Amino acid sequence: MHKVEAYNLLAEHIAYMTDYDECARRIESDPVSQFVAKFVVTGQSGIEFRVRLECCWEGKPSGSIRVFGTIGYTDVDGLVELTQALIVDPISLPPPTPSQSPGFSARQ
């Protein structure tokens, strides 16, 4: 149950990291050529999820950007973490919203 909620929350937040120019600006402003954001979000179930988003150059600067997203929470079995990754190219189509992507369901 919570894995589906976690996956949908991660998909929603990683969708914000698909603007090439914005990701490139964030990467270039960091001395180690990567951008990391960490935050906590509360799902509809009341569970607190820890989210980590990261983007870095995929190979050479000004090329493709690799975006990673990880979401974690603790349940009765211990720590559960899910990860998604994608490549953002300098010229790419706008990403689908999570509700339009296969395997995602829209949050109500």
C-alpha atoms as a PDB file:
ATOM      1  CA  MET A   1       0.000   0.000   0.000  1.00  0.00           C
ATOM      2  CA  HIS A   2       2.642   2.532   1.044  1.00  0.00           C
ATOM      3  CA  LYS A   3       4.952   1.533  -1.839  1.00  0.00           C
ATOM      4  CA  VAL A   4       2.351   2.706  -4.359  1.00  0.00           C
ATOM      5  CA  GLU A   5       1.915   5.995  -2.518  1.00  0.00           C
ATOM      6  CA  ALA A   6       5.693   6.424  -2.282  1.00  0.00           C
ATOM      7  CA  TYR A   7       6.197   5.648  -5.974  1.00  0.00           C
ATOM      8  CA  ASN A   8       3.506   8.136  -6.996  1.00  0.00           C
ATOM      9  CA  LEU A   9       4.936  10.863  -4.739  1.00  0.00           C
ATOM     10  CA  LEU A  10       8.421  10.301  -6.151  1.00  0.00           C
ATOM     11  CA  ALA A  11       7.103  10.412  -9.729  1.00  0.00           C
ATOM     12  CA  GLU A  12       5.350  13.686  -8.954  1.00  0.00           C
ATOM     13  CA  HIS A  13       8.496  15.293  -7.538  1.00  0.00           C
ATOM     14  CA  ILE A  14      10.904  13.915 -10.143  1.00  0.00           C
ATOM     15  CA  ALA A  15       8.660  15.395 -12.861  1.00  0.00           C
ATOM     16  CA  TYR A  16       9.747  18.854 -11.632  1.00  0.00           C
ATOM     17  CA  MET A  17      13.353  17.954 -12.491  1.00  0.00           C
ATOM     18  CA  THR A  18      12.845  17.495 -16.232  1.00  0.00           C
ATOM     19  CA  ASP A  19      13.461  21.070 -17.395  1.00  0.00           C
ATOM     20  CA  TYR A  20      16.921  20.911 -18.965  1.00  0.00           C
ATOM     21  CA  ASP A  21      17.788  24.605 -18.561  1.00  0.00           C
ATOM     22  CA  GLU A  22      16.744  24.629 -14.894  1.00  0.00           C
ATOM     23  CA  CYS A  23      18.706  21.456 -14.100  1.00  0.00           C
ATOM     24  CA  ALA A  24      21.770  22.758 -15.955  1.00  0.00           C
ATOM     25  CA  ARG A  25      21.623  26.045 -14.046  1.00  0.00           C
ATOM     26  CA  ARG A  26      21.429  24.180 -10.725  1.00  0.00           C
ATOM     27  CA  ILE A  27      24.317  21.858 -11.639  1.00  0.00           C
ATOM     28  CA  GLU A  28      26.538  24.733 -12.812  1.00  0.00           C
ATOM     29  CA  SER A  29      25.931  26.668  -9.582  1.00  0.00           C
ATOM     30  CA  ASP A  30      27.402  23.812  -7.509  1.00  0.00           C
ATOM     31  CA  PRO A  31      31.185  23.402  -7.212  1.00  0.00           C
ATOM     32  CA  VAL A  32      30.997  19.596  -7.503  1.00  0.00           C
ATOM     33  CA  SER A  33      28.740  19.772 -10.589  1.00  0.00           C
ATOM     34  CA  GLN A  34      25.671  18.194  -9.094  1.00  0.00           C
ATOM     35  CA  PHE A  35      22.472  19.358  -7.454  1.00  0.00           C
ATOM     36  CA  VAL A  36      20.932  17.601  -4.463  1.00  0.00           C
ATOM     37  CA  ALA A  37      17.655  18.416  -2.741  1.00  0.00           C
ATOM     38  CA  LYS A  38      16.493  16.614   0.402  1.00  0.00           C
ATOM     39  CA  PHE A  39      13.118  17.101   2.016  1.00  0.00           C
ATOM     40  CA  VAL A  40      10.294  15.341   3.837  1.00  0.00           C
ATOM     41  CA  VAL A  41       6.777  15.117   2.438  1.00  0.00           C
ATOM     42  CA  THR A  42       3.683  13.737   4.161  1.00  0.00           C
ATOM     43  CA  GLY A  43       1.519  11.466   2.017  1.00  0.00           C
ATOM     44  CA  GLN A  44      -2.247  11.230   2.094  1.00  0.00           C
ATOM     45  CA  SER A  45      -1.896   8.227   4.412  1.00  0.00           C
ATOM     46  CA  GLY A  46      -0.128  10.413   6.998  1.00  0.00           C
ATOM     47  CA  ILE A  47       3.196   8.614   6.460  1.00  0.00           C
ATOM     48  CA  GLU A  48       6.277  10.849   6.282  1.00  0.00           C
ATOM     49  CA  PHE A  49       8.460  10.090   3.259  1.00  0.00           C
ATOM     50  CA  ARG A  50      12.087  11.235   2.927  1.00  0.00           C
ATOM     51  CA  VAL A  51      12.810  12.397  -0.630  1.00  0.00           C
ATOM     52  CA  ARG A  52      16.209  12.955  -2.250  1.00  0.00           C
ATOM     53  CA  LEU A  53      16.489  14.400  -5.758  1.00  0.00           C
ATOM     54  CA  GLU A  54      19.803  14.696  -7.531  1.00  0.00           C
ATOM     55  CA  CYS A  55      20.880  15.802 -10.986  1.00  0.00           C
ATOM     56  CA  CYS A  56      24.350  15.713 -12.523  1.00  0.00           C
ATOM     57  CA  TRP A  57      25.959  15.699 -15.940  1.00  0.00           C
ATOM     58  CA  GLU A  58      25.747  12.359 -17.739  1.00  0.00           C
ATOM     59  CA  GLY A  59      29.297  12.289 -19.038  1.00  0.00           C
ATOM     60  CA  LYS A  60      30.341  15.745 -20.174  1.00  0.00           C
ATOM     61  CA  PRO A  61      29.131  19.213 -19.138  1.00  0.00           C
ATOM     62  CA  SER A  62      26.420  20.723 -21.349  1.00  0.00           C
ATOM     63  CA  GLY A  63      25.361  17.238 -22.473  1.00  0.00           C
ATOM     64  CA  SER A  64      22.598  15.055 -21.134  1.00  0.00           C
ATOM     65  CA  ILE A  65      21.643  15.274 -17.465  1.00  0.00           C
ATOM     66  CA  ARG A  66      20.969  12.257 -15.243  1.00  0.00           C
ATOM     67  CA  VAL A  67      18.195  12.794 -12.686  1.00  0.00           C
ATOM     68  CA  PHE A  68      17.867  10.426  -9.713  1.00  0.00           C
ATOM     69  CA  GLY A  69      15.068  10.335  -7.211  1.00  0.00           C
ATOM     70  CA  THR A  70      14.885   8.267  -4.034  1.00  0.00           C
ATOM     71  CA  ILE A  71      12.044   8.073  -1.556  1.00  0.00           C
ATOM     72  CA  GLY A  72      12.144   6.230   1.719  1.00  0.00           C
ATOM     73  CA  TYR A  73       9.991   5.471   4.710  1.00  0.00           C
ATOM     74  CA  THR A  74       9.996   3.118   7.667  1.00  0.00           C
ATOM     75  CA  ASP A  75       7.371   0.407   8.101  1.00  0.00           C
ATOM     76  CA  VAL A  76       7.099  -2.722  10.264  1.00  0.00           C
ATOM     77  CA  ASP A  77       9.751  -4.479   8.137  1.00  0.00           C
ATOM     78  CA  GLY A  78      12.252  -1.616   8.442  1.00  0.00           C
ATOM     79  CA  LEU A  79      13.451   0.957   5.943  1.00  0.00           C
ATOM     80  CA  VAL A  80      11.893   0.839   2.479  1.00  0.00           C
ATOM     81  CA  GLU A  81      13.522   2.830  -0.355  1.00  0.00           C
ATOM     82  CA  LEU A  82      12.398   3.216  -3.949  1.00  0.00           C
ATOM     83  CA  THR A  83      14.442   4.824  -6.715  1.00  0.00           C
ATOM     84  CA  GLN A  84      13.682   6.280 -10.135  1.00  0.00           C
ATOM     85  CA  ALA A  85      16.117   7.731 -12.662  1.00  0.00           C
ATOM     86  CA  LEU A  86      15.855   9.409 -16.030  1.00  0.00           C
ATOM     87  CA  ILE A  87      17.960  11.230 -18.596  1.00  0.00           C
ATOM     88  CA  VAL A  88      17.091  14.794 -19.620  1.00  0.00           C
ATOM     89  CA  ASP A  89      18.529  15.779 -22.997  1.00  0.00           C
ATOM     90  CA  PRO A  90      19.255  19.337 -24.164  1.00  0.00           C
ATOM     91  CA  ILE A  91      16.476  18.991 -26.717  1.00  0.00           C
ATOM     92  CA  SER A  92      13.605  16.851 -25.540  1.00  0.00           C
ATOM     93  CA  LEU A  93       9.844  16.792 -25.512  1.00  0.00           C
ATOM     94  CA  PRO A  94       8.005  17.963 -22.422  1.00  0.00           C
ATOM     95  CA  PRO A  95       7.605  15.076 -19.976  1.00  0.00           C
ATOM     96  CA  PRO A  96       4.226  13.487 -19.397  1.00  0.00           C
ATOM     97  CA  THR A  97       2.554  14.286 -16.122  1.00  0.00           C
ATOM     98  CA  PRO A  98       2.510  11.393 -13.627  1.00  0.00           C
ATOM     99  CA  SER A  99      -1.175  10.781 -14.396  1.00  0.00           C
ATOM    100  CA  GLN A 100      -0.329  10.327 -18.108  1.00  0.00           C
ATOM    101  CA  SER A 101       2.641   8.015 -17.542  1.00  0.00           C
ATOM    102  CA  PRO A 102       2.193   4.245 -17.657  1.00  0.00           C
ATOM    103  CA  GLY A 103       2.292   2.732 -14.198  1.00  0.00           C
ATOM    104  CA  PHE A 104       1.371   5.918 -12.368  1.00  0.00           C
ATOM    105  CA  SER A 105      -1.982   6.800 -10.933  1.00  0.00           C
ATOM    106  CA  ALA A 106      -3.083  10.351 -10.298  1.00  0.00           C
ATOM    107  CA  ARG A 107      -3.321  11.521  -6.704  1.00  0.00           C
ATOM    108  CA  GLN A 108      -6.796  12.530  -5.696  1.00  0.00           C
END
